[in-house]
Amino acid sequence: MIFRAAFSYMNFGNLLRAIAVCMAAITLPANAAVFTQIADPFVRVDVDGSPGLDSQFDLGATGTELPNYATVYDDFLFANDSVVTNFSWIGSYELDEEGDVLASEFMVSVYANETTGPFSNEPSDTPIYTETISSSALGEEQFFIGDRAFRSYSADITGLLELTGGETYWFSVVAQLDWADNNWGFAFSDLGNGNSFQDFQDDVDVEELVRHNDTYDYAFSVTAVPEPGAFAVIGLTGLLAVAYRGRRRNVVVGVV
């Protein structure tokens, strides 16, 4: 109503109104899209008696032991260009009672899809996004299934991560924790396409990571909103259309 009161008798009123509409279109909250492999309620999945697979950076590694001895990757995609806002995942410690040593930080990463390596589709060598998050900054909750403790984690990312619609990406989360104190595993899921990887030091006397292509799925979700450029295009289209109409008709349409 302010724009109509101020500019209703000016020839460029429609143009100003269109600018306001454009800005509103850009700043309105977008509907979030969620890729998830976390069942509701969460379902425990065991493989060889274990509810998850190691994905851990060993803070106490010595000698030929590699600190990044175990890293898990699982794939995801969005149909449209998107900007990621949040990661969530579920994991489990080998020891999770009061007084046990837990991870000080988690490193979450996203990798582009590599199609020219040994596997037809696999994570690229370097991530397109990495963020290390202290455990105290995570939304973390412990819950039990039977006598097994699990933990759910949620983190709003602080950087900009733009994804291209229809392209495959790989999510990874790694606990920062001395293996001698405790062991953390990325929880298996009953949802997914049965395609994942783990880089693992098979032999502690050999400083080499071996990439294993697995049929496991993992419990994680990625939340994203449509890429802001889409809203800018919509707003600009409206701007041009209303401005043209105003020039042709030379009438001011009040703000509804």
C-alpha atoms as a PDB file:
ATOM      1  CA  MET A   1       0.000   0.000   0.000  1.00  0.00           C
ATOM      2  CA  ILE A   2       2.948   2.344   0.578  1.00  0.00           C
ATOM      3  CA  PHE A   3       4.031   2.104  -3.044  1.00  0.00           C
ATOM      4  CA  ARG A   4       0.538   2.884  -4.309  1.00  0.00           C
ATOM      5  CA  ALA A   5       0.182   5.912  -2.035  1.00  0.00           C
ATOM      6  CA  ALA A   6       3.558   7.309  -3.010  1.00  0.00           C
ATOM      7  CA  PHE A   7       3.587   6.677  -6.744  1.00  0.00           C
ATOM      8  CA  SER A   8      -0.002   6.167  -7.908  1.00  0.00           C
ATOM      9  CA  TYR A   9       0.050   9.356  -9.993  1.00  0.00           C
ATOM     10  CA  MET A  10       3.466   8.863 -11.567  1.00  0.00           C
ATOM     11  CA  ASN A  11       4.070   7.323 -14.951  1.00  0.00           C
ATOM     12  CA  PHE A  12       6.807   5.060 -13.584  1.00  0.00           C
ATOM     13  CA  GLY A  13       4.617   3.699 -10.783  1.00  0.00           C
ATOM     14  CA  ASN A  14       4.259   0.332 -12.460  1.00  0.00           C
ATOM     15  CA  LEU A  15       8.000   0.000 -12.761  1.00  0.00           C
ATOM     16  CA  LEU A  16       8.495   0.632  -9.056  1.00  0.00           C
ATOM     17  CA  ARG A  17       5.728  -1.761  -8.179  1.00  0.00           C
ATOM     18  CA  ALA A  18       7.352  -4.414 -10.364  1.00  0.00           C
ATOM     19  CA  ILE A  19      10.647  -3.897  -8.550  1.00  0.00           C
ATOM     20  CA  ALA A  20       8.891  -4.483  -5.255  1.00  0.00           C
ATOM     21  CA  VAL A  21       7.298  -7.654  -6.606  1.00  0.00           C
ATOM     22  CA  CYS A  22      10.688  -8.805  -7.895  1.00  0.00           C
ATOM     23  CA  MET A  23      12.360  -8.264  -4.524  1.00  0.00           C
ATOM     24  CA  ALA A  24       9.546 -10.012  -2.715  1.00  0.00           C
ATOM     25  CA  ALA A  25       9.868 -13.000  -5.027  1.00  0.00           C
ATOM     26  CA  ILE A  26      13.589 -13.216  -4.324  1.00  0.00           C
ATOM     27  CA  THR A  27      13.327 -12.890  -0.542  1.00  0.00           C
ATOM     28  CA  LEU A  28      10.329 -15.122   0.114  1.00  0.00           C
ATOM     29  CA  PRO A  29      11.374 -18.395   1.808  1.00  0.00           C
ATOM     30  CA  ALA A  30      11.571 -21.250  -0.676  1.00  0.00           C
ATOM     31  CA  ASN A  31      10.103 -24.697  -0.199  1.00  0.00           C
ATOM     32  CA  ALA A  32      12.877 -26.972   1.006  1.00  0.00           C
ATOM     33  CA  ALA A  33      13.609 -30.269  -0.714  1.00  0.00           C
ATOM     34  CA  VAL A  34      14.950 -33.178   1.321  1.00  0.00           C
ATOM     35  CA  PHE A  35      16.915 -36.175   0.118  1.00  0.00           C
ATOM     36  CA  THR A  36      16.765 -38.734   2.897  1.00  0.00           C
ATOM     37  CA  GLN A  37      17.822 -42.274   3.633  1.00  0.00           C
ATOM     38  CA  ILE A  38      16.687 -42.029   7.257  1.00  0.00           C
ATOM     39  CA  ALA A  39      13.531 -44.051   7.751  1.00  0.00           C
ATOM     40  CA  ASP A  40      10.814 -42.638  10.019  1.00  0.00           C
ATOM     41  CA  PRO A  41      11.000 -44.322  12.437  1.00  0.00           C
ATOM     42  CA  PHE A  42      14.641 -45.251  12.029  1.00  0.00           C
ATOM     43  CA  VAL A  43      15.195 -48.939  11.319  1.00  0.00           C
ATOM     44  CA  ARG A  44      18.297 -50.681  12.635  1.00  0.00           C
ATOM     45  CA  VAL A  45      20.161 -52.568   9.908  1.00  0.00           C
ATOM     46  CA  ASP A  46      23.001 -54.928  10.853  1.00  0.00           C
ATOM     47  CA  VAL A  47      25.669 -56.206   8.477  1.00  0.00           C
ATOM     48  CA  ASP A  48      27.770 -59.041   9.879  1.00  0.00           C
ATOM     49  CA  GLY A  49      26.469 -58.156  13.331  1.00  0.00           C
ATOM     50  CA  SER A  50      27.416 -54.467  13.106  1.00  0.00           C
ATOM     51  CA  PRO A  51      24.951 -51.544  12.834  1.00  0.00           C
ATOM     52  CA  GLY A  52      27.408 -49.366  10.882  1.00  0.00           C
ATOM     53  CA  LEU A  53      30.753 -49.085   9.168  1.00  0.00           C
ATOM     54  CA  ASP A  54      33.852 -47.191  10.294  1.00  0.00           C
ATOM     55  CA  SER A  55      34.113 -43.603   9.064  1.00  0.00           C
ATOM     56  CA  GLN A  56      36.710 -42.090  11.345  1.00  0.00           C
ATOM     57  CA  PHE A  57      39.844 -39.947  11.477  1.00  0.00           C
ATOM     58  CA  ASP A  58      42.198 -41.500  14.026  1.00  0.00           C
ATOM     59  CA  LEU A  59      43.653 -38.673  16.100  1.00  0.00           C
ATOM     60  CA  GLY A  60      46.112 -41.094  17.698  1.00  0.00           C
ATOM     61  CA  ALA A  61      47.518 -42.704  14.564  1.00  0.00           C
ATOM     62  CA  THR A  62      51.254 -43.458  14.730  1.00  0.00           C
ATOM     63  CA  GLY A  63      53.877 -44.982  12.484  1.00  0.00           C
ATOM     64  CA  THR A  64      52.366 -46.451   9.345  1.00  0.00           C
ATOM     65  CA  GLU A  65      48.829 -46.044  10.637  1.00  0.00           C
ATOM     66  CA  LEU A  66      46.929 -43.579   8.457  1.00  0.00           C
ATOM     67  CA  PRO A  67      44.823 -41.021  10.361  1.00  0.00           C
ATOM     68  CA  ASN A  68      42.164 -41.084   7.638  1.00  0.00           C
ATOM     69  CA  TYR A  69      42.038 -44.882   7.795  1.00  0.00           C
ATOM     70  CA  ALA A  70      38.277 -45.131   7.112  1.00  0.00           C
ATOM     71  CA  THR A  71      35.951 -42.889   5.098  1.00  0.00           C
ATOM     72  CA  VAL A  72      32.452 -43.811   3.935  1.00  0.00           C
ATOM     73  CA  TYR A  73      30.671 -42.221   0.944  1.00  0.00           C
ATOM     74  CA  ASP A  74      27.046 -42.543  -0.151  1.00  0.00           C
ATOM     75  CA  ASP A  75      25.402 -40.972  -3.199  1.00  0.00           C
ATOM     76  CA  PHE A  76      22.480 -38.555  -3.544  1.00  0.00           C
ATOM     77  CA  LEU A  77      20.974 -36.108  -6.015  1.00  0.00           C
ATOM     78  CA  PHE A  78      18.297 -33.443  -6.385  1.00  0.00           C
ATOM     79  CA  ALA A  79      16.081 -33.035  -9.416  1.00  0.00           C
ATOM     80  CA  ASN A  80      16.624 -29.263  -9.608  1.00  0.00           C
ATOM     81  CA  ASP A  81      19.491 -26.824  -9.019  1.00  0.00           C
ATOM     82  CA  SER A  82      19.670 -26.364  -5.251  1.00  0.00           C
ATOM     83  CA  VAL A  83      21.555 -24.761  -2.389  1.00  0.00           C
ATOM     84  CA  VAL A  84      22.228 -27.047   0.585  1.00  0.00           C
ATOM     85  CA  THR A  85      21.198 -25.798   4.027  1.00  0.00           C
ATOM     86  CA  ASN A  86      21.489 -28.811   6.327  1.00  0.00           C
ATOM     87  CA  PHE A  87      23.024 -32.256   6.754  1.00  0.00           C
ATOM     88  CA  SER A  88      21.662 -34.912   9.112  1.00  0.00           C
ATOM     89  CA  TRP A  89      22.991 -38.388   9.816  1.00  0.00           C
ATOM     90  CA  ILE A  90      22.904 -41.282  12.277  1.00  0.00           C
ATOM     91  CA  GLY A  91      25.841 -43.163  13.748  1.00  0.00           C
ATOM     92  CA  SER A  92      26.833 -45.416  16.599  1.00  0.00           C
ATOM     93  CA  TYR A  93      29.800 -45.706  18.956  1.00  0.00           C
ATOM     94  CA  GLU A  94      31.322 -48.983  20.039  1.00  0.00           C
ATOM     95  CA  LEU A  95      31.303 -47.560  23.576  1.00  0.00           C
ATOM     96  CA  ASP A  96      28.540 -45.123  24.478  1.00  0.00           C
ATOM     97  CA  GLU A  97      28.018 -44.918  28.193  1.00  0.00           C
ATOM     98  CA  GLU A  98      28.651 -42.119  30.642  1.00  0.00           C
ATOM     99  CA  GLY A  99      32.380 -41.404  30.808  1.00  0.00           C
ATOM    100  CA  ASP A 100      33.244 -42.897  27.415  1.00  0.00           C
ATOM    101  CA  VAL A 101      35.316 -40.756  25.048  1.00  0.00           C
ATOM    102  CA  LEU A 102      33.271 -39.450  22.116  1.00  0.00           C
ATOM    103  CA  ALA A 103      34.209 -37.587  18.945  1.00  0.00           C
ATOM    104  CA  SER A 104      35.334 -34.000  19.422  1.00  0.00           C
ATOM    105  CA  GLU A 105      34.380 -33.007  15.864  1.00  0.00           C
ATOM    106  CA  PHE A 106      32.778 -34.314  12.704  1.00  0.00           C
ATOM    107  CA  MET A 107      33.935 -33.456   9.208  1.00  0.00           C
ATOM    108  CA  VAL A 108      31.143 -33.426   6.627  1.00  0.00           C
ATOM    109  CA  SER A 109      32.064 -33.346   2.943  1.00  0.00           C
ATOM    110  CA  VAL A 110      30.398 -33.510  -0.443  1.00  0.00           C
ATOM    111  CA  TYR A 111      32.171 -34.873  -3.515  1.00  0.00           C
ATOM    112  CA  ALA A 112      31.331 -34.584  -7.180  1.00  0.00           C
ATOM    113  CA  ASN A 113      30.740 -37.780  -9.155  1.00  0.00           C
ATOM    114  CA  GLU A 114      33.703 -39.204 -11.052  1.00  0.00           C
ATOM    115  CA  THR A 115      32.942 -41.308 -14.125  1.00  0.00           C
ATOM    116  CA  THR A 116      36.450 -41.890 -15.508  1.00  0.00           C
ATOM    117  CA  GLY A 117      38.006 -43.776 -12.592  1.00  0.00           C
ATOM    118  CA  PRO A 118      38.205 -47.508 -11.900  1.00  0.00           C
ATOM    119  CA  PHE A 119      34.484 -47.527 -11.107  1.00  0.00           C
ATOM    120  CA  SER A 120      31.785 -46.193 -13.425  1.00  0.00           C
ATOM    121  CA  ASN A 121      30.553 -43.825 -10.710  1.00  0.00           C
ATOM    122  CA  GLU A 122      32.508 -42.941  -7.601  1.00  0.00           C
ATOM    123  CA  PRO A 123      33.464 -39.947  -5.426  1.00  0.00           C
ATOM    124  CA  SER A 124      36.037 -37.580  -6.905  1.00  0.00           C
ATOM    125  CA  ASP A 125      39.445 -37.325  -5.245  1.00  0.00           C
ATOM    126  CA  THR A 126      38.820 -33.939  -3.629  1.00  0.00           C
ATOM    127  CA  PRO A 127      35.599 -32.605  -2.098  1.00  0.00           C
ATOM    128  CA  ILE A 128      33.674 -29.659  -3.484  1.00  0.00           C
ATOM    129  CA  TYR A 129      32.622 -28.781   0.065  1.00  0.00           C
ATOM    130  CA  THR A 130      34.051 -29.598   3.501  1.00  0.00           C
ATOM    131  CA  GLU A 131      33.120 -28.321   6.919  1.00  0.00           C
ATOM    132  CA  THR A 132      34.398 -29.437  10.306  1.00  0.00           C
ATOM    133  CA  ILE A 133      31.800 -29.074  13.049  1.00  0.00           C
ATOM    134  CA  SER A 134      32.463 -29.362  16.752  1.00  0.00           C
ATOM    135  CA  SER A 135      30.288 -31.859  18.575  1.00  0.00           C
ATOM    136  CA  SER A 136      29.057 -29.102  20.876  1.00  0.00           C
ATOM    137  CA  ALA A 137      27.644 -27.214  17.871  1.00  0.00           C
ATOM    138  CA  LEU A 138      25.701 -30.201  16.541  1.00  0.00           C
ATOM    139  CA  GLY A 139      22.095 -31.002  17.185  1.00  0.00           C
ATOM    140  CA  GLU A 140      22.784 -34.405  18.718  1.00  0.00           C
ATOM    141  CA  GLU A 141      20.424 -36.872  20.375  1.00  0.00           C
ATOM    142  CA  GLN A 142      21.051 -40.329  21.763  1.00  0.00           C
ATOM    143  CA  PHE A 143      18.432 -43.050  21.360  1.00  0.00           C
ATOM    144  CA  PHE A 144      18.309 -46.810  21.762  1.00  0.00           C
ATOM    145  CA  ILE A 145      17.103 -49.702  19.664  1.00  0.00           C
ATOM    146  CA  GLY A 146      17.174 -52.661  21.971  1.00  0.00           C
ATOM    147  CA  ASP A 147      20.395 -52.442  23.941  1.00  0.00           C
ATOM    148  CA  ARG A 148      22.250 -50.574  21.177  1.00  0.00           C
ATOM    149  CA  ALA A 149      22.816 -46.841  21.468  1.00  0.00           C
ATOM    150  CA  PHE A 150      22.578 -44.668  18.354  1.00  0.00           C
ATOM    151  CA  ARG A 151      23.039 -40.946  17.902  1.00  0.00           C
ATOM    152  CA  SER A 152      21.333 -38.633  15.458  1.00  0.00           C
ATOM    153  CA  TYR A 153      23.124 -35.499  14.298  1.00  0.00           C
ATOM    154  CA  SER A 154      22.010 -32.355  12.497  1.00  0.00           C
ATOM    155  CA  ALA A 155      24.097 -29.446  11.226  1.00  0.00           C
ATOM    156  CA  ASP A 156      23.111 -26.280   9.361  1.00  0.00           C
ATOM    157  CA  ILE A 157      26.016 -25.568   7.038  1.00  0.00           C
ATOM    158  CA  THR A 158      27.769 -22.204   7.164  1.00  0.00           C
ATOM    159  CA  GLY A 159      29.239 -22.112   3.654  1.00  0.00           C
ATOM    160  CA  LEU A 160      27.706 -21.978   0.193  1.00  0.00           C
ATOM    161  CA  LEU A 161      27.122 -25.337  -1.497  1.00  0.00           C
ATOM    162  CA  GLU A 162      25.330 -25.143  -4.840  1.00  0.00           C
ATOM    163  CA  LEU A 163      24.307 -28.382  -6.532  1.00  0.00           C
ATOM    164  CA  THR A 164      23.305 -28.974 -10.144  1.00  0.00           C
ATOM    165  CA  GLY A 165      19.964 -30.687 -10.628  1.00  0.00           C
ATOM    166  CA  GLY A 166      20.098 -34.258 -11.920  1.00  0.00           C
ATOM    167  CA  GLU A 167      23.780 -34.761 -11.074  1.00  0.00           C
ATOM    168  CA  THR A 168      25.049 -37.355  -8.600  1.00  0.00           C
ATOM    169  CA  TYR A 169      26.997 -36.242  -5.532  1.00  0.00           C
ATOM    170  CA  TRP A 170      28.563 -38.152  -2.657  1.00  0.00           C
ATOM    171  CA  PHE A 171      28.046 -37.407   1.044  1.00  0.00           C
ATOM    172  CA  SER A 172      30.664 -38.275   3.626  1.00  0.00           C
ATOM    173  CA  VAL A 173      30.881 -37.774   7.383  1.00  0.00           C
ATOM    174  CA  VAL A 174      33.968 -38.639   9.433  1.00  0.00           C
ATOM    175  CA  ALA A 175      34.295 -38.652  13.228  1.00  0.00           C
ATOM    176  CA  GLN A 176      37.454 -37.068  14.685  1.00  0.00           C
ATOM    177  CA  LEU A 177      38.383 -39.537  17.411  1.00  0.00           C
ATOM    178  CA  ASP A 178      41.355 -41.495  18.745  1.00  0.00           C
ATOM    179  CA  TRP A 179      40.719 -45.095  17.683  1.00  0.00           C
ATOM    180  CA  ALA A 180      42.375 -46.328  20.892  1.00  0.00           C
ATOM    181  CA  ASP A 181      39.653 -44.530  22.899  1.00  0.00           C
ATOM    182  CA  ASN A 182      36.572 -45.417  20.881  1.00  0.00           C
ATOM    183  CA  ASN A 183      35.236 -46.308  17.466  1.00  0.00           C
ATOM    184  CA  TRP A 184      32.430 -44.549  15.518  1.00  0.00           C
ATOM    185  CA  GLY A 185      30.484 -46.013  12.631  1.00  0.00           C
ATOM    186  CA  PHE A 186      28.108 -44.499  10.065  1.00  0.00           C
ATOM    187  CA  ALA A 187      24.779 -46.294  10.580  1.00  0.00           C
ATOM    188  CA  PHE A 188      23.391 -48.523   7.836  1.00  0.00           C
ATOM    189  CA  SER A 189      20.001 -47.740   6.321  1.00  0.00           C
ATOM    190  CA  ASP A 190      17.231 -49.797   4.731  1.00  0.00           C
ATOM    191  CA  LEU A 191      16.691 -46.988   2.188  1.00  0.00           C
ATOM    192  CA  GLY A 192      18.847 -46.208  -0.843  1.00  0.00           C
ATOM    193  CA  ASN A 193      20.105 -47.617  -4.120  1.00  0.00           C
ATOM    194  CA  GLY A 194      22.644 -50.086  -2.750  1.00  0.00           C
ATOM    195  CA  ASN A 195      25.710 -48.224  -3.961  1.00  0.00           C
ATOM    196  CA  SER A 196      28.364 -46.787  -1.639  1.00  0.00           C
ATOM    197  CA  PHE A 197      32.112 -46.744  -1.035  1.00  0.00           C
ATOM    198  CA  GLN A 198      34.554 -46.960   1.815  1.00  0.00           C
ATOM    199  CA  ASP A 199      38.216 -45.978   1.628  1.00  0.00           C
ATOM    200  CA  PHE A 200      39.962 -48.187   4.177  1.00  0.00           C
ATOM    201  CA  GLN A 201      43.516 -48.992   5.257  1.00  0.00           C
ATOM    202  CA  ASP A 202      43.327 -52.769   4.906  1.00  0.00           C
ATOM    203  CA  ASP A 203      46.817 -53.329   6.301  1.00  0.00           C
ATOM    204  CA  VAL A 204      48.123 -51.059   9.090  1.00  0.00           C
ATOM    205  CA  ASP A 205      51.687 -51.839   8.007  1.00  0.00           C
ATOM    206  CA  VAL A 206      51.056 -50.505   4.506  1.00  0.00           C
ATOM    207  CA  GLU A 207      50.399 -46.796   4.106  1.00  0.00           C
ATOM    208  CA  GLU A 208      47.719 -47.229   1.488  1.00  0.00           C
ATOM    209  CA  LEU A 209      43.965 -46.739   1.309  1.00  0.00           C
ATOM    210  CA  VAL A 210      41.939 -49.272  -0.645  1.00  0.00           C
ATOM    211  CA  ARG A 211      38.612 -48.211  -2.156  1.00  0.00           C
ATOM    212  CA  HIS A 212      35.821 -50.727  -1.596  1.00  0.00           C
ATOM    213  CA  ASN A 213      32.600 -50.538  -3.614  1.00  0.00           C
ATOM    214  CA  ASP A 214      29.786 -51.770  -1.349  1.00  0.00           C
ATOM    215  CA  THR A 215      26.088 -52.509  -1.637  1.00  0.00           C
ATOM    216  CA  TYR A 216      25.327 -50.844   1.706  1.00  0.00           C
ATOM    217  CA  ASP A 217      23.215 -47.734   2.241  1.00  0.00           C
ATOM    218  CA  TYR A 218      23.703 -45.235   5.052  1.00  0.00           C
ATOM    219  CA  ALA A 219      21.374 -43.169   7.223  1.00  0.00           C
ATOM    220  CA  PHE A 220      21.728 -39.532   6.170  1.00  0.00           C
ATOM    221  CA  SER A 221      19.696 -36.696   4.719  1.00  0.00           C
ATOM    222  CA  VAL A 222      20.463 -33.506   2.833  1.00  0.00           C
ATOM    223  CA  THR A 223      18.140 -30.493   2.929  1.00  0.00           C
ATOM    224  CA  ALA A 224      18.278 -27.869   0.189  1.00  0.00           C
ATOM    225  CA  VAL A 225      16.330 -24.954  -1.242  1.00  0.00           C
ATOM    226  CA  PRO A 226      15.964 -24.005  -4.923  1.00  0.00           C
ATOM    227  CA  GLU A 227      18.920 -22.111  -6.349  1.00  0.00           C
ATOM    228  CA  PRO A 228      18.298 -18.346  -5.762  1.00  0.00           C
ATOM    229  CA  GLY A 229      18.876 -17.548  -9.419  1.00  0.00           C
ATOM    230  CA  ALA A 230      15.589 -19.213 -10.262  1.00  0.00           C
ATOM    231  CA  PHE A 231      13.723 -16.694  -8.145  1.00  0.00           C
ATOM    232  CA  ALA A 232      15.661 -13.824  -9.654  1.00  0.00           C
ATOM    233  CA  VAL A 233      14.641 -14.949 -13.142  1.00  0.00           C
ATOM    234  CA  ILE A 234      11.020 -15.198 -12.072  1.00  0.00           C
ATOM    235  CA  GLY A 235      11.178 -11.749 -10.508  1.00  0.00           C
ATOM    236  CA  LEU A 236      12.916 -10.228 -13.517  1.00  0.00           C
ATOM    237  CA  THR A 237      10.334 -11.729 -15.861  1.00  0.00           C
ATOM    238  CA  GLY A 238       7.587 -10.175 -13.794  1.00  0.00           C
ATOM    239  CA  LEU A 239       9.464  -6.866 -13.735  1.00  0.00           C
ATOM    240  CA  LEU A 240       9.748  -6.685 -17.503  1.00  0.00           C
ATOM    241  CA  ALA A 241       6.181  -7.797 -18.085  1.00  0.00           C
ATOM    242  CA  VAL A 242       4.649  -5.267 -15.704  1.00  0.00           C
ATOM    243  CA  ALA A 243       6.910  -2.463 -16.894  1.00  0.00           C
ATOM    244  CA  TYR A 244       5.930  -3.128 -20.511  1.00  0.00           C
ATOM    245  CA  ARG A 245       2.259  -3.233 -19.620  1.00  0.00           C
ATOM    246  CA  GLY A 246       2.573   0.045 -17.740  1.00  0.00           C
ATOM    247  CA  ARG A 247       4.240   1.756 -20.683  1.00  0.00           C
ATOM    248  CA  ARG A 248       1.584   0.498 -23.081  1.00  0.00           C
ATOM    249  CA  ARG A 249      -1.451   1.185 -20.919  1.00  0.00           C
ATOM    250  CA  ASN A 250      -0.051   3.991 -18.778  1.00  0.00           C
ATOM    251  CA  VAL A 251      -2.220   3.053 -15.801  1.00  0.00           C
ATOM    252  CA  VAL A 252      -1.215   2.206 -12.262  1.00  0.00           C
ATOM    253  CA  VAL A 253      -2.491  -1.006 -10.759  1.00  0.00           C
ATOM    254  CA  GLY A 254      -2.778  -0.845  -6.997  1.00  0.00           C
ATOM    255  CA  VAL A 255      -0.942  -3.316  -4.806  1.00  0.00           C
ATOM    256  CA  VAL A 256      -3.339  -6.038  -3.709  1.00  0.00           C
END
